[in-house]
PDB file of all heavy atoms in Angstrom:
ATOM      1  N   PHE A   1      91.260  73.862 101.108  1.00  0.00           N
ATOM      2  CA  PHE A   1      92.683  73.592 101.250  1.00  0.00           C
ATOM      3  C   PHE A   1      93.234  72.855 100.028  1.00  0.00           C
ATOM      4  O   PHE A   1      94.306  73.150  99.531  1.00  0.00           O
ATOM      5  CB  PHE A   1      92.930  72.767 102.531  1.00  0.00           C
ATOM      6  CG  PHE A   1      94.382  72.436 102.781  1.00  0.00           C
ATOM      7  CD1 PHE A   1      95.276  73.437 103.172  1.00  0.00           C
ATOM      8  CD2 PHE A   1      94.846  71.134 102.613  1.00  0.00           C
ATOM      9  CE1 PHE A   1      96.591  73.125 103.421  1.00  0.00           C
ATOM     10  CE2 PHE A   1      96.184  70.834 102.842  1.00  0.00           C
ATOM     11  CZ  PHE A   1      97.042  71.830 103.248  1.00  0.00           C
ATOM     12  N   PHE A   2      92.440  71.891  99.494  1.00  0.00           N
ATOM     13  CA  PHE A   2      92.845  71.162  98.313  1.00  0.00           C
ATOM     14  C   PHE A   2      93.003  72.110  97.111  1.00  0.00           C
ATOM     15  O   PHE A   2      93.986  72.046  96.377  1.00  0.00           O
ATOM     16  CB  PHE A   2      91.829  70.083  98.011  1.00  0.00           C
ATOM     17  CG  PHE A   2      92.110  69.283  96.761  1.00  0.00           C
ATOM     18  CD1 PHE A   2      93.101  68.324  96.771  1.00  0.00           C
ATOM     19  CD2 PHE A   2      91.436  69.513  95.594  1.00  0.00           C
ATOM     20  CE1 PHE A   2      93.393  67.585  95.652  1.00  0.00           C
ATOM     21  CE2 PHE A   2      91.710  68.804  94.447  1.00  0.00           C
ATOM     22  CZ  PHE A   2      92.700  67.833  94.472  1.00  0.00           C
ATOM     23  N   GLN A   3      92.026  72.994  96.931  1.00  0.00           N
ATOM     24  CA  GLN A   3      92.084  73.943  95.824  1.00  0.00           C
ATOM     25  C   GLN A   3      93.277  74.885  96.007  1.00  0.00           C
ATOM     26  O   GLN A   3      93.990  75.212  95.002  1.00  0.00           O
ATOM     27  CB  GLN A   3      90.804  74.767  95.747  1.00  0.00           C
ATOM     28  CG  GLN A   3      89.608  73.953  95.340  1.00  0.00           C
ATOM     29  CD  GLN A   3      89.700  73.441  93.904  1.00  0.00           C
ATOM     30  OE1 GLN A   3      90.288  74.059  93.052  1.00  0.00           O
ATOM     31  NE2 GLN A   3      89.141  72.281  93.699  1.00  0.00           N
ATOM     32  N   PHE A   4      93.519  75.354  97.196  1.00  0.00           N
ATOM     33  CA  PHE A   4      94.644  76.256  97.485  1.00  0.00           C
ATOM     34  C   PHE A   4      95.950  75.577  97.186  1.00  0.00           C
ATOM     35  O   PHE A   4      96.861  76.149  96.536  1.00  0.00           O
ATOM     36  CB  PHE A   4      94.581  76.733  98.894  1.00  0.00           C
ATOM     37  CG  PHE A   4      95.727  77.571  99.331  1.00  0.00           C
ATOM     38  CD1 PHE A   4      95.851  78.864  98.886  1.00  0.00           C
ATOM     39  CD2 PHE A   4      96.701  77.041 100.165  1.00  0.00           C
ATOM     40  CE1 PHE A   4      96.925  79.630  99.279  1.00  0.00           C
ATOM     41  CE2 PHE A   4      97.780  77.826 100.571  1.00  0.00           C
ATOM     42  CZ  PHE A   4      97.896  79.127 100.104  1.00  0.00           C
ATOM     43  N   MET A   5      96.146  74.341  97.666  1.00  0.00           N
ATOM     44  CA  MET A   5      97.404  73.631  97.449  1.00  0.00           C
ATOM     45  C   MET A   5      97.601  73.292  95.981  1.00  0.00           C
ATOM     46  O   MET A   5      98.716  73.286  95.474  1.00  0.00           O
ATOM     47  CB  MET A   5      97.488  72.373  98.298  1.00  0.00           C
ATOM     48  CG  MET A   5      97.596  72.658  99.796  1.00  0.00           C
ATOM     49  SD  MET A   5      98.980  73.678 100.224  1.00  0.00           S
ATOM     50  CE  MET A   5     100.309  72.516 100.147  1.00  0.00           C
ATOM     51  N   THR A   6      96.504  73.007  95.265  1.00  0.00           N
ATOM     52  CA  THR A   6      96.620  72.726  93.835  1.00  0.00           C
ATOM     53  C   THR A   6      97.091  73.941  93.069  1.00  0.00           C
ATOM     54  O   THR A   6      97.941  73.850  92.221  1.00  0.00           O
ATOM     55  CB  THR A   6      95.257  72.240  93.292  1.00  0.00           C
ATOM     56  OG1 THR A   6      94.840  71.081  94.020  1.00  0.00           O
ATOM     57  CG2 THR A   6      95.362  71.870  91.810  1.00  0.00           C
ATOM     58  N   ARG A   7      96.543  75.104  93.398  1.00  0.00           N
ATOM     59  CA  ARG A   7      96.941  76.312  92.727  1.00  0.00           C
ATOM     60  C   ARG A   7      98.334  76.762  93.068  1.00  0.00           C
ATOM     61  O   ARG A   7      99.088  77.226  92.251  1.00  0.00           O
ATOM     62  CB  ARG A   7      95.935  77.435  93.030  1.00  0.00           C
ATOM     63  CG  ARG A   7      94.652  77.213  92.369  1.00  0.00           C
ATOM     64  CD  ARG A   7      93.705  78.391  92.596  1.00  0.00           C
ATOM     65  NE  ARG A   7      92.410  78.091  91.992  1.00  0.00           N
ATOM     66  CZ  ARG A   7      91.280  78.485  92.525  1.00  0.00           C
ATOM     67  NH1 ARG A   7      91.259  79.231  93.595  1.00  0.00           N
ATOM     68  NH2 ARG A   7      90.140  78.184  91.913  1.00  0.00           N
ATOM     69  N   ILE A   8      98.677  76.652  94.332  1.00  0.00           N
ATOM     70  CA  ILE A   8      99.970  77.172  94.784  1.00  0.00           C
ATOM     71  C   ILE A   8     101.155  76.266  94.403  1.00  0.00           C
ATOM     72  O   ILE A   8     102.218  76.748  94.051  1.00  0.00           O
ATOM     73  CB  ILE A   8      99.937  77.429  96.303  1.00  0.00           C
ATOM     74  CG1 ILE A   8     100.626  78.719  96.619  1.00  0.00           C
ATOM     75  CG2 ILE A   8     100.592  76.360  97.105  1.00  0.00           C
ATOM     76  CD1 ILE A   8     100.411  79.148  98.047  1.00  0.00           C
ATOM     77  N   SER A   9     100.960  74.936  94.482  1.00  0.00           N
ATOM     78  CA  SER A   9     102.059  74.027  94.203  1.00  0.00           C
ATOM     79  C   SER A   9     102.131  73.606  92.773  1.00  0.00           C
ATOM     80  O   SER A   9     103.190  73.227  92.281  1.00  0.00           O
ATOM     81  CB  SER A   9     101.956  72.806  95.124  1.00  0.00           C
ATOM     82  OG  SER A   9     100.858  72.010  94.713  1.00  0.00           O
ATOM     83  N   ASP A  10     100.995  73.564  92.047  1.00  0.00           N
ATOM     84  CA  ASP A  10     100.936  73.071  90.687  1.00  0.00           C
ATOM     85  C   ASP A  10     101.506  71.686  90.583  1.00  0.00           C
ATOM     86  O   ASP A  10     102.159  71.319  89.605  1.00  0.00           O
ATOM     87  CB  ASP A  10     101.698  74.037  89.755  1.00  0.00           C
ATOM     88  CG  ASP A  10     100.953  74.208  88.453  1.00  0.00           C
ATOM     89  OD1 ASP A  10      99.761  73.806  88.405  1.00  0.00           O
ATOM     90  OD2 ASP A  10     101.548  74.751  87.515  1.00  0.00           O
ATOM     91  N   SER A  11     101.223  70.883  91.607  1.00  0.00           N
ATOM     92  CA  SER A  11     101.716  69.504  91.672  1.00  0.00           C
ATOM     93  C   SER A  11     100.919  68.627  90.693  1.00  0.00           C
ATOM     94  O   SER A  11      99.710  68.636  90.682  1.00  0.00           O
ATOM     95  CB  SER A  11     101.555  68.974  93.107  1.00  0.00           C
ATOM     96  OG  SER A  11     101.764  67.579  93.183  1.00  0.00           O
ATOM     97  N   TYR A  12     101.670  67.859  89.914  1.00  0.00           N
ATOM     98  CA  TYR A  12     100.981  66.969  88.972  1.00  0.00           C
ATOM     99  C   TYR A  12     100.234  65.852  89.720  1.00  0.00           C
ATOM    100  O   TYR A  12      99.245  65.305  89.179  1.00  0.00           O
ATOM    101  CB  TYR A  12     101.991  66.342  87.974  1.00  0.00           C
ATOM    102  CG  TYR A  12     103.040  65.433  88.609  1.00  0.00           C
ATOM    103  CD1 TYR A  12     102.805  64.091  88.729  1.00  0.00           C
ATOM    104  CD2 TYR A  12     104.228  65.974  89.058  1.00  0.00           C
ATOM    105  CE1 TYR A  12     103.739  63.257  89.281  1.00  0.00           C
ATOM    106  CE2 TYR A  12     105.176  65.139  89.608  1.00  0.00           C
ATOM    107  CZ  TYR A  12     104.934  63.795  89.735  1.00  0.00           C
ATOM    108  OH  TYR A  12     105.891  62.973  90.307  1.00  0.00           O
ATOM    109  N   LEU A  13     100.624  65.523  90.899  1.00  0.00           N
ATOM    110  CA  LEU A  13      99.886  64.511  91.699  1.00  0.00           C
ATOM    111  C   LEU A  13      98.503  65.038  92.107  1.00  0.00           C
ATOM    112  O   LEU A  13      97.502  64.348  92.017  1.00  0.00           O
ATOM    113  CB  LEU A  13     100.709  64.118  92.909  1.00  0.00           C
ATOM    114  CG  LEU A  13     102.055  63.469  92.619  1.00  0.00           C
ATOM    115  CD1 LEU A  13     102.866  63.309  93.887  1.00  0.00           C
ATOM    116  CD2 LEU A  13     101.862  62.130  91.969  1.00  0.00           C
ATOM    117  N   LEU A  14      98.486  66.274  92.598  1.00  0.00           N
ATOM    118  CA  LEU A  14      97.204  66.862  92.987  1.00  0.00           C
ATOM    119  C   LEU A  14      96.326  67.137  91.767  1.00  0.00           C
ATOM    120  O   LEU A  14      95.111  66.990  91.830  1.00  0.00           O
ATOM    121  CB  LEU A  14      97.425  68.204  93.755  1.00  0.00           C
ATOM    122  CG  LEU A  14      97.896  68.042  95.192  1.00  0.00           C
ATOM    123  CD1 LEU A  14      98.100  69.424  95.804  1.00  0.00           C
ATOM    124  CD2 LEU A  14      96.933  67.259  96.015  1.00  0.00           C
ATOM    125  N   LEU A  15      96.944  67.505  90.649  1.00  0.00           N
ATOM    126  CA  LEU A  15      96.194  67.764  89.433  1.00  0.00           C
ATOM    127  C   LEU A  15      95.539  66.469  88.951  1.00  0.00           C
ATOM    128  O   LEU A  15      94.416  66.481  88.447  1.00  0.00           O
ATOM    129  CB  LEU A  15      97.065  68.386  88.371  1.00  0.00           C
ATOM    130  CG  LEU A  15      97.486  69.811  88.620  1.00  0.00           C
ATOM    131  CD1 LEU A  15      98.481  70.278  87.596  1.00  0.00           C
ATOM    132  CD2 LEU A  15      96.301  70.742  88.666  1.00  0.00           C
ATOM    133  N   SER A  16      96.232  65.338  89.089  1.00  0.00           N
ATOM    134  CA  SER A  16      95.644  64.068  88.677  1.00  0.00           C
ATOM    135  C   SER A  16      94.484  63.669  89.560  1.00  0.00           C
ATOM    136  O   SER A  16      93.465  63.137  89.130  1.00  0.00           O
ATOM    137  CB  SER A  16      96.700  62.976  88.609  1.00  0.00           C
ATOM    138  OG  SER A  16      97.232  62.703  89.863  1.00  0.00           O
ATOM    139  N   VAL A  17      94.612  63.926  90.891  1.00  0.00           N
ATOM    140  CA  VAL A  17      93.531  63.621  91.819  1.00  0.00           C
ATOM    141  C   VAL A  17      92.324  64.514  91.482  1.00  0.00           C
ATOM    142  O   VAL A  17      91.189  64.064  91.464  1.00  0.00           O
ATOM    143  CB  VAL A  17      93.970  63.842  93.273  1.00  0.00           C
ATOM    144  CG1 VAL A  17      92.781  63.800  94.225  1.00  0.00           C
ATOM    145  CG2 VAL A  17      95.009  62.823  93.656  1.00  0.00           C
ATOM    146  N   GLN A  18      92.593  65.781  91.181  1.00  0.00           N
ATOM    147  CA  GLN A  18      91.531  66.693  90.791  1.00  0.00           C
ATOM    148  C   GLN A  18      90.834  66.251  89.517  1.00  0.00           C
ATOM    149  O   GLN A  18      89.619  66.328  89.414  1.00  0.00           O
ATOM    150  CB  GLN A  18      92.099  68.112  90.611  1.00  0.00           C
ATOM    151  CG  GLN A  18      91.070  69.157  90.353  1.00  0.00           C
ATOM    152  CD  GLN A  18      91.708  70.524  90.179  1.00  0.00           C
ATOM    153  OE1 GLN A  18      92.785  70.675  89.664  1.00  0.00           O
ATOM    154  NE2 GLN A  18      90.992  71.538  90.640  1.00  0.00           N
ATOM    155  N   GLN A  19      91.588  65.747  88.582  1.00  0.00           N
ATOM    156  CA  GLN A  19      91.007  65.247  87.320  1.00  0.00           C
ATOM    157  C   GLN A  19      90.095  64.027  87.559  1.00  0.00           C
ATOM    158  O   GLN A  19      89.054  63.901  86.935  1.00  0.00           O
ATOM    159  CB  GLN A  19      92.089  64.941  86.305  1.00  0.00           C
ATOM    160  CG  GLN A  19      91.600  64.651  84.915  1.00  0.00           C
ATOM    161  CD  GLN A  19      90.868  65.833  84.314  1.00  0.00           C
ATOM    162  OE1 GLN A  19      91.278  66.971  84.511  1.00  0.00           O
ATOM    163  NE2 GLN A  19      89.789  65.573  83.636  1.00  0.00           N
ATOM    164  N   VAL A  20      90.507  63.161  88.462  1.00  0.00           N
ATOM    165  CA  VAL A  20      89.673  62.012  88.778  1.00  0.00           C
ATOM    166  C   VAL A  20      88.346  62.462  89.368  1.00  0.00           C
ATOM    167  O   VAL A  20      87.265  61.941  88.969  1.00  0.00           O
ATOM    168  CB  VAL A  20      90.418  61.072  89.796  1.00  0.00           C
ATOM    169  CG1 VAL A  20      89.457  60.032  90.358  1.00  0.00           C
ATOM    170  CG2 VAL A  20      91.597  60.389  89.102  1.00  0.00           C
ATOM    171  N   PHE A  21      88.361  63.448  90.284  1.00  0.00           N
ATOM    172  CA  PHE A  21      87.116  63.946  90.835  1.00  0.00           C
ATOM    173  C   PHE A  21      86.267  64.603  89.805  1.00  0.00           C
ATOM    174  O   PHE A  21      85.026  64.470  89.779  1.00  0.00           O
ATOM    175  CB  PHE A  21      87.416  64.905  92.000  1.00  0.00           C
ATOM    176  CG  PHE A  21      87.766  64.211  93.295  1.00  0.00           C
ATOM    177  CD1 PHE A  21      88.997  64.465  93.875  1.00  0.00           C
ATOM    178  CD2 PHE A  21      86.917  63.313  93.865  1.00  0.00           C
ATOM    179  CE1 PHE A  21      89.326  63.819  95.072  1.00  0.00           C
ATOM    180  CE2 PHE A  21      87.208  62.662  95.050  1.00  0.00           C
ATOM    181  CZ  PHE A  21      88.460  62.936  95.639  1.00  0.00           C
ATOM    182  N   ARG A  22      86.892  65.346  88.888  1.00  0.00           N
ATOM    183  CA  ARG A  22      86.109  66.021  87.829  1.00  0.00           C
ATOM    184  C   ARG A  22      85.477  65.015  86.894  1.00  0.00           C
ATOM    185  O   ARG A  22      84.314  65.174  86.502  1.00  0.00           O
ATOM    186  CB  ARG A  22      87.012  66.946  87.023  1.00  0.00           C
ATOM    187  CG  ARG A  22      87.292  68.228  87.748  1.00  0.00           C
ATOM    188  CD  ARG A  22      88.065  69.175  86.885  1.00  0.00           C
ATOM    189  NE  ARG A  22      88.377  70.412  87.640  1.00  0.00           N
ATOM    190  CZ  ARG A  22      89.205  71.331  87.241  1.00  0.00           C
ATOM    191  NH1 ARG A  22      89.865  71.179  86.119  1.00  0.00           N
ATOM    192  NH2 ARG A  22      89.373  72.397  87.963  1.00  0.00           N
ATOM    193  N   ASP A  23      86.214  63.966  86.537  1.00  0.00           N
ATOM    194  CA  ASP A  23      85.653  62.926  85.646  1.00  0.00           C
ATOM    195  C   ASP A  23      84.490  62.189  86.345  1.00  0.00           C
ATOM    196  O   ASP A  23      83.477  61.925  85.713  1.00  0.00           O
ATOM    197  CB  ASP A  23      86.726  61.925  85.263  1.00  0.00           C
ATOM    198  CG  ASP A  23      87.785  62.546  84.317  1.00  0.00           C
ATOM    199  OD1 ASP A  23      87.486  63.617  83.746  1.00  0.00           O
ATOM    200  OD2 ASP A  23      88.874  61.935  84.222  1.00  0.00           O
ATOM    201  N   THR A  24      84.659  61.916  87.654  1.00  0.00           N
ATOM    202  CA  THR A  24      83.589  61.255  88.368  1.00  0.00           C
ATOM    203  C   THR A  24      82.329  62.128  88.477  1.00  0.00           C
ATOM    204  O   THR A  24      81.224  61.656  88.240  1.00  0.00           O
ATOM    205  CB  THR A  24      84.058  60.878  89.786  1.00  0.00           C
ATOM    206  OG1 THR A  24      85.246  60.111  89.695  1.00  0.00           O
ATOM    207  CG2 THR A  24      83.004  60.129  90.562  1.00  0.00           C
ATOM    208  N   TRP A  25      82.531  63.422  88.741  1.00  0.00           N
ATOM    209  CA  TRP A  25      81.400  64.326  88.863  1.00  0.00           C
ATOM    210  C   TRP A  25      80.711  64.482  87.524  1.00  0.00           C
ATOM    211  O   TRP A  25      79.503  64.551  87.436  1.00  0.00           O
ATOM    212  CB  TRP A  25      81.866  65.674  89.384  1.00  0.00           C
ATOM    213  CG  TRP A  25      80.728  66.610  89.608  1.00  0.00           C
ATOM    214  CD1 TRP A  25      80.447  67.729  88.938  1.00  0.00           C
ATOM    215  CD2 TRP A  25      79.681  66.473  90.608  1.00  0.00           C
ATOM    216  NE1 TRP A  25      79.316  68.332  89.413  1.00  0.00           N
ATOM    217  CE2 TRP A  25      78.819  67.571  90.426  1.00  0.00           C
ATOM    218  CE3 TRP A  25      79.407  65.548  91.583  1.00  0.00           C
ATOM    219  CZ2 TRP A  25      77.692  67.734  91.218  1.00  0.00           C
ATOM    220  CZ3 TRP A  25      78.269  65.713  92.371  1.00  0.00           C
ATOM    221  CH2 TRP A  25      77.431  66.797  92.171  1.00  0.00           C
ATOM    222  N   LYS A  26      81.519  64.557  86.430  1.00  0.00           N
ATOM    223  CA  LYS A  26      80.932  64.674  85.096  1.00  0.00           C
ATOM    224  C   LYS A  26      80.089  63.440  84.777  1.00  0.00           C
ATOM    225  O   LYS A  26      79.022  63.548  84.188  1.00  0.00           O
ATOM    226  CB  LYS A  26      82.021  64.863  84.067  1.00  0.00           C
ATOM    227  CG  LYS A  26      81.468  65.076  82.661  1.00  0.00           C
ATOM    228  CD  LYS A  26      82.465  65.739  81.766  1.00  0.00           C
ATOM    229  CE  LYS A  26      82.045  65.913  80.366  1.00  0.00           C
ATOM    230  NZ  LYS A  26      80.665  66.062  80.055  1.00  0.00           N
ATOM    231  N   ALA A  27      80.585  62.262  85.146  1.00  0.00           N
ATOM    232  CA  ALA A  27      79.813  61.058  84.906  1.00  0.00           C
ATOM    233  C   ALA A  27      78.504  61.038  85.680  1.00  0.00           C
ATOM    234  O   ALA A  27      77.450  60.628  85.182  1.00  0.00           O
ATOM    235  CB  ALA A  27      80.631  59.813  85.285  1.00  0.00           C
ATOM    236  N   LEU A  28      78.548  61.572  86.921  1.00  0.00           N
ATOM    237  CA  LEU A  28      77.325  61.653  87.699  1.00  0.00           C
ATOM    238  C   LEU A  28      76.317  62.670  87.104  1.00  0.00           C
ATOM    239  O   LEU A  28      75.115  62.434  87.079  1.00  0.00           O
ATOM    240  CB  LEU A  28      77.635  62.065  89.126  1.00  0.00           C
ATOM    241  CG  LEU A  28      78.296  61.000  90.008  1.00  0.00           C
ATOM    242  CD1 LEU A  28      78.699  61.613  91.351  1.00  0.00           C
ATOM    243  CD2 LEU A  28      77.389  59.801  90.209  1.00  0.00           C
ATOM    244  N   GLN A  29      76.832  63.753  86.558  1.00  0.00           N
ATOM    245  CA  GLN A  29      75.970  64.724  85.927  1.00  0.00           C
ATOM    246  C   GLN A  29      75.398  64.187  84.601  1.00  0.00           C
ATOM    247  O   GLN A  29      74.259  64.537  84.276  1.00  0.00           O
ATOM    248  CB  GLN A  29      76.712  66.049  85.655  1.00  0.00           C
ATOM    249  CG  GLN A  29      76.932  66.823  86.910  1.00  0.00           C
ATOM    250  CD  GLN A  29      77.690  68.104  86.642  1.00  0.00           C
ATOM    251  OE1 GLN A  29      78.389  68.254  85.652  1.00  0.00           O
ATOM    252  NE2 GLN A  29      77.532  69.079  87.519  1.00  0.00           N
ATOM    253  N   ASP A  30      76.192  63.388  83.879  1.00  0.00           N
ATOM    254  CA  ASP A  30      75.665  62.841  82.623  1.00  0.00           C
ATOM    255  C   ASP A  30      74.490  61.890  82.910  1.00  0.00           C
ATOM    256  O   ASP A  30      73.591  61.766  82.098  1.00  0.00           O
ATOM    257  CB  ASP A  30      76.782  62.087  81.880  1.00  0.00           C
ATOM    258  CG  ASP A  30      77.785  63.068  81.278  1.00  0.00           C
ATOM    259  OD1 ASP A  30      77.491  64.270  81.158  1.00  0.00           O
ATOM    260  OD2 ASP A  30      78.909  62.592  80.924  1.00  0.00           O
ATOM    261  N   GLU A  31      74.551  61.214  84.012  1.00  0.00           N
ATOM    262  CA  GLU A  31      73.471  60.299  84.408  1.00  0.00           C
ATOM    263  C   GLU A  31      72.347  61.057  85.122  1.00  0.00           C
ATOM    264  O   GLU A  31      71.381  60.427  85.549  1.00  0.00           O
ATOM    265  CB  GLU A  31      73.994  59.203  85.307  1.00  0.00           C
ATOM    266  CG  GLU A  31      75.014  58.286  84.634  1.00  0.00           C
ATOM    267  CD  GLU A  31      74.390  57.500  83.508  1.00  0.00           C
ATOM    268  OE1 GLU A  31      73.207  57.088  83.613  1.00  0.00           O
ATOM    269  OE2 GLU A  31      75.071  57.325  82.470  1.00  0.00           O
ATOM    270  N   GLN A  32      72.507  62.352  85.348  1.00  0.00           N
ATOM    271  CA  GLN A  32      71.518  63.225  86.024  1.00  0.00           C
ATOM    272  C   GLN A  32      71.224  62.752  87.444  1.00  0.00           C
ATOM    273  O   GLN A  32      70.046  62.776  87.862  1.00  0.00           O
ATOM    274  CB  GLN A  32      70.268  63.310  85.165  1.00  0.00           C
ATOM    275  CG  GLN A  32      70.509  63.926  83.820  1.00  0.00           C
ATOM    276  CD  GLN A  32      69.257  64.017  82.954  1.00  0.00           C
ATOM    277  OE1 GLN A  32      68.239  63.405  83.314  1.00  0.00           O
ATOM    278  NE2 GLN A  32      69.329  64.718  81.898  1.00  0.00           N
ATOM    279  N   VAL A  33      72.245  62.352  88.128  1.00  0.00           N
ATOM    280  CA  VAL A  33      72.050  61.991  89.540  1.00  0.00           C
ATOM    281  C   VAL A  33      72.963  62.830  90.450  1.00  0.00           C
ATOM    282  O   VAL A  33      73.208  62.478  91.581  1.00  0.00           O
ATOM    283  CB  VAL A  33      72.287  60.495  89.796  1.00  0.00           C
ATOM    284  CG1 VAL A  33      71.229  59.672  89.159  1.00  0.00           C
ATOM    285  CG2 VAL A  33      73.673  60.073  89.353  1.00  0.00           C
ATOM    286  N   GLY A  34      73.515  63.943  89.915  1.00  0.00           N
ATOM    287  CA  GLY A  34      74.411  64.784  90.707  1.00  0.00           C
ATOM    288  C   GLY A  34      73.754  65.367  91.930  1.00  0.00           C
ATOM    289  O   GLY A  34      74.307  65.340  93.053  1.00  0.00           O
ATOM    290  N   GLY A  35      72.522  65.911  91.780  1.00  0.00           N
ATOM    291  CA  GLY A  35      71.817  66.471  92.919  1.00  0.00           C
ATOM    292  C   GLY A  35      71.416  65.437  93.931  1.00  0.00           C
ATOM    293  O   GLY A  35      71.517  65.660  95.145  1.00  0.00           O
ATOM    294  N   LEU A  36      71.032  64.257  93.458  1.00  0.00           N
ATOM    295  CA  LEU A  36      70.693  63.166  94.357  1.00  0.00           C
ATOM    296  C   LEU A  36      71.902  62.696  95.129  1.00  0.00           C
ATOM    297  O   LEU A  36      71.829  62.351  96.315  1.00  0.00           O
ATOM    298  CB  LEU A  36      70.081  62.018  93.558  1.00  0.00           C
ATOM    299  CG  LEU A  36      69.574  60.823  94.364  1.00  0.00           C
ATOM    300  CD1 LEU A  36      68.470  61.255  95.283  1.00  0.00           C
ATOM    301  CD2 LEU A  36      69.094  59.739  93.423  1.00  0.00           C
TER     302      LEU A  36
END
């Protein structure tokens, strides 16, 4: 639902929330604890 609403509405608020999650996930992958 989040992905659908982000694509359909192109809301800058949802895009910023998505960017926060991507940055967090990238930091977890850089530390190699994503799978854990």
